[in-house]
Amino acid sequence: MGGTKYDSVEYWTSLIRMCLSRFFILHALHMRPLHGYEITKQVAALTRGCCAPTEGSLYPLLREFVEAGVVTVETQVVSGRERKVYTLTPLGERAYSVAARAWAEVACYILEAVKAQSSEICATGSTGKQEVGEERQVAL
């Protein structure tokens, strides 16, 4: 008997990634101005790869942030190559601060809801369990 999307780790992971990508992009830019590839690498490092944006998702989000006045973009020459460097604006800093507070509150509730498994998942970055019919471990 086949499952539904609701019993698929991939479904829930993709929802989490979509929600958190914006936050982690802002977080990376809060630390310092970055070009696109650096943003992807920084978010991957911060989240152990969990929420690293793809090129197809990163640039539309950055364009949205620029249009909203949250981020500025400046073309710079880095190692002989032109790169678009993104920087948070004062509005972007406020947006990051508000988002951080909102996620901090929600994180407490999420951890409480998954308390039985949270220490194992946080320590390993994996559920450590196999999905039915699969022979690989699925990382969150």
N, C-alpha and C. Protein backbone atom coordinates (compact mmCIF):
# COMPACT_ATOMS: atom_id res chain seq x y z
N MET A 1 0.84 -1.18 0.00
CA MET A 1 0.00 0.00 0.00
C MET A 1 0.89 1.24 0.00
N GLY A 2 0.66 2.13 -0.93
CA GLY A 2 1.48 3.33 -1.07
C GLY A 2 1.15 4.38 -0.03
N GLY A 3 2.15 5.15 0.32
CA GLY A 3 1.95 6.22 1.28
C GLY A 3 1.52 7.50 0.58
N THR A 4 1.36 8.51 1.37
CA THR A 4 1.02 9.83 0.84
C THR A 4 2.22 10.74 1.05
N LYS A 5 2.10 11.94 0.55
CA LYS A 5 3.19 12.89 0.76
C LYS A 5 3.39 13.20 2.24
N TYR A 6 2.34 13.04 3.03
CA TYR A 6 2.40 13.40 4.45
C TYR A 6 3.24 12.43 5.28
N ASP A 7 3.52 11.25 4.77
CA ASP A 7 4.40 10.33 5.50
C ASP A 7 5.77 10.22 4.84
N SER A 8 6.13 11.26 4.08
CA SER A 8 7.41 11.31 3.39
C SER A 8 8.32 12.35 4.04
N VAL A 9 9.51 11.93 4.43
CA VAL A 9 10.49 12.86 4.99
C VAL A 9 10.81 13.96 3.99
N GLU A 10 10.89 13.60 2.71
CA GLU A 10 11.20 14.59 1.67
C GLU A 10 10.16 15.71 1.63
N TYR A 11 8.88 15.38 1.79
CA TYR A 11 7.82 16.39 1.79
C TYR A 11 8.03 17.39 2.92
N TRP A 12 8.22 16.89 4.13
CA TRP A 12 8.37 17.77 5.29
C TRP A 12 9.67 18.55 5.22
N THR A 13 10.73 17.91 4.75
CA THR A 13 12.02 18.60 4.61
C THR A 13 11.92 19.74 3.60
N SER A 14 11.22 19.52 2.49
CA SER A 14 11.09 20.59 1.50
C SER A 14 10.30 21.77 2.06
N LEU A 15 9.27 21.50 2.86
CA LEU A 15 8.51 22.59 3.50
C LEU A 15 9.40 23.37 4.46
N ILE A 16 10.18 22.66 5.25
CA ILE A 16 11.08 23.31 6.20
C ILE A 16 12.09 24.17 5.45
N ARG A 17 12.67 23.62 4.40
CA ARG A 17 13.67 24.37 3.62
C ARG A 17 13.08 25.64 3.03
N MET A 18 11.86 25.53 2.47
CA MET A 18 11.24 26.72 1.87
C MET A 18 11.03 27.81 2.92
N CYS A 19 10.60 27.41 4.10
CA CYS A 19 10.32 28.39 5.15
C CYS A 19 11.61 29.00 5.71
N LEU A 20 12.61 28.19 5.91
CA LEU A 20 13.82 28.67 6.57
C LEU A 20 14.85 29.31 5.65
N SER A 21 14.77 29.06 4.36
CA SER A 21 15.77 29.63 3.44
C SER A 21 15.85 31.14 3.55
N ARG A 22 14.70 31.80 3.57
CA ARG A 22 14.69 33.26 3.67
C ARG A 22 15.42 33.71 4.94
N PHE A 23 15.10 33.06 6.06
CA PHE A 23 15.72 33.45 7.32
C PHE A 23 17.23 33.28 7.28
N PHE A 24 17.71 32.13 6.80
CA PHE A 24 19.15 31.88 6.81
C PHE A 24 19.89 32.75 5.80
N ILE A 25 19.25 33.15 4.71
CA ILE A 25 19.87 34.10 3.79
C ILE A 25 20.06 35.43 4.51
N LEU A 26 19.02 35.89 5.20
CA LEU A 26 19.13 37.14 5.97
C LEU A 26 20.20 37.01 7.04
N HIS A 27 20.25 35.85 7.71
CA HIS A 27 21.25 35.63 8.76
C HIS A 27 22.67 35.73 8.18
N ALA A 28 22.90 35.09 7.05
CA ALA A 28 24.22 35.13 6.42
C ALA A 28 24.60 36.56 6.06
N LEU A 29 23.65 37.31 5.52
CA LEU A 29 23.93 38.70 5.14
C LEU A 29 24.05 39.61 6.36
N HIS A 30 23.43 39.24 7.46
CA HIS A 30 23.57 39.98 8.71
C HIS A 30 25.03 39.91 9.19
N MET A 31 25.68 38.78 8.96
CA MET A 31 27.06 38.60 9.39
C MET A 31 28.02 39.45 8.55
N ARG A 32 27.77 39.51 7.22
CA ARG A 32 28.61 40.33 6.35
C ARG A 32 28.04 40.29 4.93
N PRO A 33 28.40 41.29 4.11
CA PRO A 33 27.99 41.27 2.70
C PRO A 33 28.60 40.06 1.99
N LEU A 34 27.84 39.46 1.10
CA LEU A 34 28.29 38.25 0.41
C LEU A 34 27.80 38.25 -1.04
N HIS A 35 28.52 37.53 -1.90
CA HIS A 35 27.98 37.29 -3.24
C HIS A 35 27.21 35.98 -3.21
N GLY A 36 26.47 35.70 -4.27
CA GLY A 36 25.54 34.57 -4.29
C GLY A 36 26.12 33.24 -3.86
N TYR A 37 27.25 32.86 -4.46
CA TYR A 37 27.85 31.57 -4.12
C TYR A 37 28.23 31.52 -2.64
N GLU A 38 28.75 32.64 -2.12
CA GLU A 38 29.12 32.69 -0.69
C GLU A 38 27.89 32.54 0.20
N ILE A 39 26.76 33.11 -0.22
CA ILE A 39 25.53 32.97 0.55
C ILE A 39 25.15 31.50 0.64
N THR A 40 25.17 30.82 -0.50
CA THR A 40 24.83 29.39 -0.53
C THR A 40 25.76 28.60 0.38
N LYS A 41 27.07 28.85 0.29
CA LYS A 41 28.04 28.12 1.12
C LYS A 41 27.84 28.42 2.60
N GLN A 42 27.59 29.69 2.94
CA GLN A 42 27.40 30.09 4.33
C GLN A 42 26.16 29.43 4.92
N VAL A 43 25.05 29.45 4.18
CA VAL A 43 23.81 28.83 4.66
C VAL A 43 24.01 27.32 4.80
N ALA A 44 24.69 26.72 3.86
CA ALA A 44 24.97 25.28 3.95
C ALA A 44 25.78 24.97 5.20
N ALA A 45 26.79 25.79 5.49
CA ALA A 45 27.61 25.57 6.69
C ALA A 45 26.80 25.77 7.96
N LEU A 46 25.97 26.79 7.99
CA LEU A 46 25.17 27.07 9.19
C LEU A 46 24.14 25.99 9.48
N THR A 47 23.66 25.31 8.43
CA THR A 47 22.56 24.36 8.60
C THR A 47 22.96 22.92 8.27
N ARG A 48 24.27 22.68 8.17
CA ARG A 48 24.77 21.35 7.78
C ARG A 48 24.12 20.88 6.48
N GLY A 49 23.86 21.84 5.58
CA GLY A 49 23.30 21.52 4.28
C GLY A 49 21.79 21.42 4.23
N CYS A 50 21.16 21.45 5.39
CA CYS A 50 19.71 21.27 5.45
C CYS A 50 18.94 22.33 4.67
N CYS A 51 19.32 23.57 4.80
CA CYS A 51 18.54 24.67 4.22
C CYS A 51 19.30 25.46 3.17
N ALA A 52 20.34 24.87 2.61
CA ALA A 52 21.12 25.58 1.59
C ALA A 52 20.25 25.82 0.36
N PRO A 53 20.13 27.07 -0.06
CA PRO A 53 19.31 27.35 -1.23
C PRO A 53 20.01 26.88 -2.50
N THR A 54 19.22 26.48 -3.48
CA THR A 54 19.76 26.17 -4.79
C THR A 54 19.89 27.47 -5.57
N GLU A 55 20.63 27.43 -6.65
CA GLU A 55 20.75 28.62 -7.49
C GLU A 55 19.37 29.06 -7.98
N GLY A 56 18.52 28.08 -8.27
CA GLY A 56 17.17 28.37 -8.76
C GLY A 56 16.27 29.01 -7.73
N SER A 57 16.57 28.82 -6.45
CA SER A 57 15.75 29.46 -5.41
C SER A 57 16.43 30.70 -4.83
N LEU A 58 17.76 30.74 -4.82
CA LEU A 58 18.48 31.85 -4.21
C LEU A 58 18.25 33.17 -4.94
N TYR A 59 18.46 33.18 -6.24
CA TYR A 59 18.42 34.45 -6.96
C TYR A 59 17.03 35.07 -7.04
N PRO A 60 15.96 34.29 -7.17
CA PRO A 60 14.63 34.91 -7.07
C PRO A 60 14.38 35.52 -5.68
N LEU A 61 14.86 34.86 -4.62
CA LEU A 61 14.70 35.43 -3.27
C LEU A 61 15.52 36.71 -3.12
N LEU A 62 16.74 36.71 -3.62
CA LEU A 62 17.56 37.92 -3.55
C LEU A 62 16.92 39.06 -4.34
N ARG A 63 16.37 38.74 -5.51
CA ARG A 63 15.68 39.76 -6.31
C ARG A 63 14.48 40.32 -5.53
N GLU A 64 13.73 39.43 -4.88
CA GLU A 64 12.60 39.86 -4.04
C GLU A 64 13.08 40.77 -2.92
N PHE A 65 14.17 40.40 -2.26
CA PHE A 65 14.72 41.22 -1.17
C PHE A 65 15.18 42.59 -1.68
N VAL A 66 15.81 42.62 -2.85
CA VAL A 66 16.27 43.90 -3.43
C VAL A 66 15.06 44.78 -3.75
N GLU A 67 14.05 44.20 -4.38
CA GLU A 67 12.85 44.97 -4.74
C GLU A 67 12.12 45.50 -3.51
N ALA A 68 12.19 44.77 -2.41
CA ALA A 68 11.53 45.19 -1.17
C ALA A 68 12.37 46.18 -0.36
N GLY A 69 13.61 46.41 -0.78
CA GLY A 69 14.48 47.33 -0.05
C GLY A 69 15.15 46.71 1.16
N VAL A 70 15.13 45.39 1.24
CA VAL A 70 15.73 44.66 2.36
C VAL A 70 17.23 44.46 2.13
N VAL A 71 17.61 44.37 0.87
CA VAL A 71 18.99 44.09 0.48
C VAL A 71 19.37 45.04 -0.66
N THR A 72 20.62 45.46 -0.68
CA THR A 72 21.15 46.17 -1.84
C THR A 72 22.11 45.25 -2.57
N VAL A 73 22.33 45.53 -3.83
CA VAL A 73 23.26 44.73 -4.63
C VAL A 73 24.22 45.69 -5.33
N GLU A 74 25.49 45.33 -5.29
CA GLU A 74 26.54 46.14 -5.91
C GLU A 74 27.46 45.21 -6.68
N THR A 75 27.77 45.58 -7.91
CA THR A 75 28.69 44.78 -8.70
C THR A 75 30.11 45.17 -8.34
N GLN A 76 30.91 44.18 -7.95
CA GLN A 76 32.31 44.39 -7.58
C GLN A 76 33.18 43.42 -8.37
N VAL A 77 34.43 43.79 -8.58
CA VAL A 77 35.37 42.89 -9.22
C VAL A 77 36.13 42.16 -8.11
N VAL A 78 35.99 40.84 -8.08
CA VAL A 78 36.64 40.00 -7.08
C VAL A 78 37.48 38.98 -7.83
N SER A 79 38.79 38.99 -7.59
CA SER A 79 39.72 38.08 -8.27
C SER A 79 39.56 38.15 -9.79
N GLY A 80 39.37 39.36 -10.29
CA GLY A 80 39.25 39.56 -11.73
C GLY A 80 37.88 39.23 -12.31
N ARG A 81 36.94 38.85 -11.48
CA ARG A 81 35.60 38.49 -11.96
C ARG A 81 34.58 39.44 -11.35
N GLU A 82 33.59 39.79 -12.16
CA GLU A 82 32.50 40.60 -11.62
C GLU A 82 31.58 39.73 -10.78
N ARG A 83 31.26 40.24 -9.61
CA ARG A 83 30.35 39.53 -8.71
C ARG A 83 29.35 40.52 -8.16
N LYS A 84 28.12 40.05 -7.99
CA LYS A 84 27.11 40.88 -7.35
C LYS A 84 27.19 40.60 -5.86
N VAL A 85 27.49 41.63 -5.10
CA VAL A 85 27.63 41.51 -3.65
C VAL A 85 26.37 42.09 -3.01
N TYR A 86 25.77 41.29 -2.13
CA TYR A 86 24.51 41.66 -1.48
C TYR A 86 24.78 42.09 -0.04
N THR A 87 24.10 43.16 0.37
CA THR A 87 24.26 43.74 1.70
C THR A 87 22.89 44.04 2.28
N LEU A 88 22.71 43.75 3.57
CA LEU A 88 21.45 44.11 4.23
C LEU A 88 21.37 45.63 4.38
N THR A 89 20.20 46.17 4.14
CA THR A 89 19.93 47.58 4.40
C THR A 89 19.47 47.72 5.85
N PRO A 90 19.29 48.93 6.36
CA PRO A 90 18.72 49.08 7.70
C PRO A 90 17.36 48.37 7.82
N LEU A 91 16.54 48.43 6.77
CA LEU A 91 15.27 47.70 6.77
C LEU A 91 15.53 46.20 6.85
N GLY A 92 16.55 45.73 6.13
CA GLY A 92 16.92 44.31 6.17
C GLY A 92 17.39 43.88 7.55
N GLU A 93 18.14 44.74 8.22
CA GLU A 93 18.58 44.43 9.59
C GLU A 93 17.38 44.30 10.52
N ARG A 94 16.40 45.20 10.36
CA ARG A 94 15.18 45.12 11.18
C ARG A 94 14.40 43.85 10.85
N ALA A 95 14.29 43.54 9.56
CA ALA A 95 13.59 42.32 9.15
C ALA A 95 14.26 41.09 9.74
N TYR A 96 15.60 41.05 9.69
CA TYR A 96 16.33 39.92 10.27
C TYR A 96 16.06 39.82 11.77
N SER A 97 16.08 40.94 12.47
CA SER A 97 15.85 40.95 13.91
C SER A 97 14.45 40.43 14.25
N VAL A 98 13.45 40.89 13.52
CA VAL A 98 12.07 40.44 13.74
C VAL A 98 11.95 38.94 13.43
N ALA A 99 12.55 38.51 12.32
CA ALA A 99 12.50 37.10 11.94
C ALA A 99 13.19 36.23 12.98
N ALA A 100 14.33 36.68 13.49
CA ALA A 100 15.06 35.91 14.51
C ALA A 100 14.22 35.73 15.76
N ARG A 101 13.54 36.79 16.19
CA ARG A 101 12.68 36.68 17.37
C ARG A 101 11.51 35.73 17.11
N ALA A 102 10.91 35.83 15.93
CA ALA A 102 9.77 34.96 15.60
C ALA A 102 10.21 33.50 15.55
N TRP A 103 11.35 33.22 14.90
CA TRP A 103 11.83 31.85 14.82
C TRP A 103 12.27 31.33 16.19
N ALA A 104 12.83 32.18 17.03
CA ALA A 104 13.24 31.75 18.38
C ALA A 104 12.03 31.27 19.17
N GLU A 105 10.93 32.00 19.06
CA GLU A 105 9.72 31.59 19.78
C GLU A 105 9.18 30.27 19.22
N VAL A 106 9.11 30.16 17.91
CA VAL A 106 8.58 28.96 17.29
C VAL A 106 9.49 27.76 17.57
N ALA A 107 10.80 27.98 17.57
CA ALA A 107 11.75 26.89 17.80
C ALA A 107 11.50 26.21 19.14
N CYS A 108 11.17 26.99 20.15
CA CYS A 108 10.87 26.42 21.47
C CYS A 108 9.70 25.45 21.39
N TYR A 109 8.67 25.84 20.67
CA TYR A 109 7.48 24.99 20.54
C TYR A 109 7.78 23.74 19.72
N ILE A 110 8.55 23.91 18.67
CA ILE A 110 8.91 22.76 17.84
C ILE A 110 9.73 21.76 18.65
N LEU A 111 10.72 22.25 19.39
CA LEU A 111 11.54 21.35 20.20
C LEU A 111 10.71 20.62 21.25
N GLU A 112 9.77 21.31 21.84
CA GLU A 112 8.89 20.67 22.82
C GLU A 112 8.07 19.57 22.15
N ALA A 113 7.57 19.83 20.96
CA ALA A 113 6.74 18.86 20.25
C ALA A 113 7.51 17.62 19.82
N VAL A 114 8.80 17.76 19.56
CA VAL A 114 9.61 16.63 19.10
C VAL A 114 10.65 16.22 20.14
N LYS A 115 10.40 16.57 21.37
CA LYS A 115 11.37 16.37 22.46
C LYS A 115 11.96 14.96 22.49
N ALA A 116 11.16 13.95 22.30
CA ALA A 116 11.64 12.57 22.40
C ALA A 116 12.74 12.28 21.39
N GLN A 117 12.69 12.90 20.22
CA GLN A 117 13.67 12.63 19.18
C GLN A 117 14.67 13.75 18.98
N SER A 118 14.42 14.92 19.56
CA SER A 118 15.22 16.10 19.23
C SER A 118 16.70 15.96 19.55
N SER A 119 17.05 15.34 20.66
CA SER A 119 18.48 15.25 20.99
C SER A 119 19.22 14.38 20.00
N GLU A 120 18.61 13.29 19.56
CA GLU A 120 19.23 12.43 18.57
C GLU A 120 19.36 13.15 17.23
N ILE A 121 18.32 13.84 16.82
CA ILE A 121 18.33 14.52 15.53
C ILE A 121 19.33 15.67 15.54
N CYS A 122 19.33 16.48 16.59
CA CYS A 122 20.25 17.62 16.65
C CYS A 122 21.70 17.17 16.72
N ALA A 123 21.95 16.07 17.39
CA ALA A 123 23.32 15.59 17.55
C ALA A 123 23.87 14.99 16.26
N THR A 124 23.01 14.32 15.48
CA THR A 124 23.49 13.63 14.29
C THR A 124 23.11 14.32 13.00
N GLY A 125 22.12 15.22 13.04
CA GLY A 125 21.64 15.83 11.81
C GLY A 125 20.81 14.87 10.99
N SER A 126 20.36 13.77 11.61
CA SER A 126 19.61 12.75 10.89
C SER A 126 18.56 12.15 11.79
N THR A 127 17.51 11.66 11.17
CA THR A 127 16.49 10.96 11.94
C THR A 127 17.02 9.62 12.41
N GLY A 128 18.04 9.11 11.71
CA GLY A 128 18.61 7.83 12.08
C GLY A 128 17.70 6.66 11.79
N LYS A 129 16.58 6.92 11.14
CA LYS A 129 15.62 5.86 10.82
C LYS A 129 15.47 5.77 9.32
N GLN A 130 15.09 4.58 8.87
CA GLN A 130 14.87 4.38 7.45
C GLN A 130 13.38 4.50 7.17
N GLU A 131 13.06 5.06 6.01
CA GLU A 131 11.67 5.08 5.60
C GLU A 131 11.30 3.68 5.12
N VAL A 132 10.05 3.34 5.25
CA VAL A 132 9.57 2.05 4.81
C VAL A 132 9.87 1.90 3.32
N GLY A 133 10.47 0.77 2.95
CA GLY A 133 10.76 0.51 1.55
C GLY A 133 12.04 1.17 1.05
N GLU A 134 12.75 1.85 1.90
CA GLU A 134 14.00 2.48 1.48
C GLU A 134 15.15 1.88 2.27
N GLU A 135 16.30 1.81 1.63
CA GLU A 135 17.46 1.23 2.28
C GLU A 135 18.49 2.27 2.68
N ARG A 136 18.12 3.53 2.62
CA ARG A 136 19.07 4.57 2.99
C ARG A 136 18.51 5.37 4.14
N GLN A 137 19.39 6.02 4.87
CA GLN A 137 18.95 6.92 5.92
C GLN A 137 18.63 8.26 5.29
N VAL A 138 17.58 8.88 5.75
CA VAL A 138 17.17 10.17 5.22
C VAL A 138 17.57 11.24 6.21
N ALA A 139 18.43 12.15 5.78
CA ALA A 139 18.87 13.24 6.66
C ALA A 139 17.86 14.37 6.61
N LEU A 140 17.65 15.00 7.75
CA LEU A 140 16.76 16.17 7.79
C LEU A 140 17.47 17.37 7.31
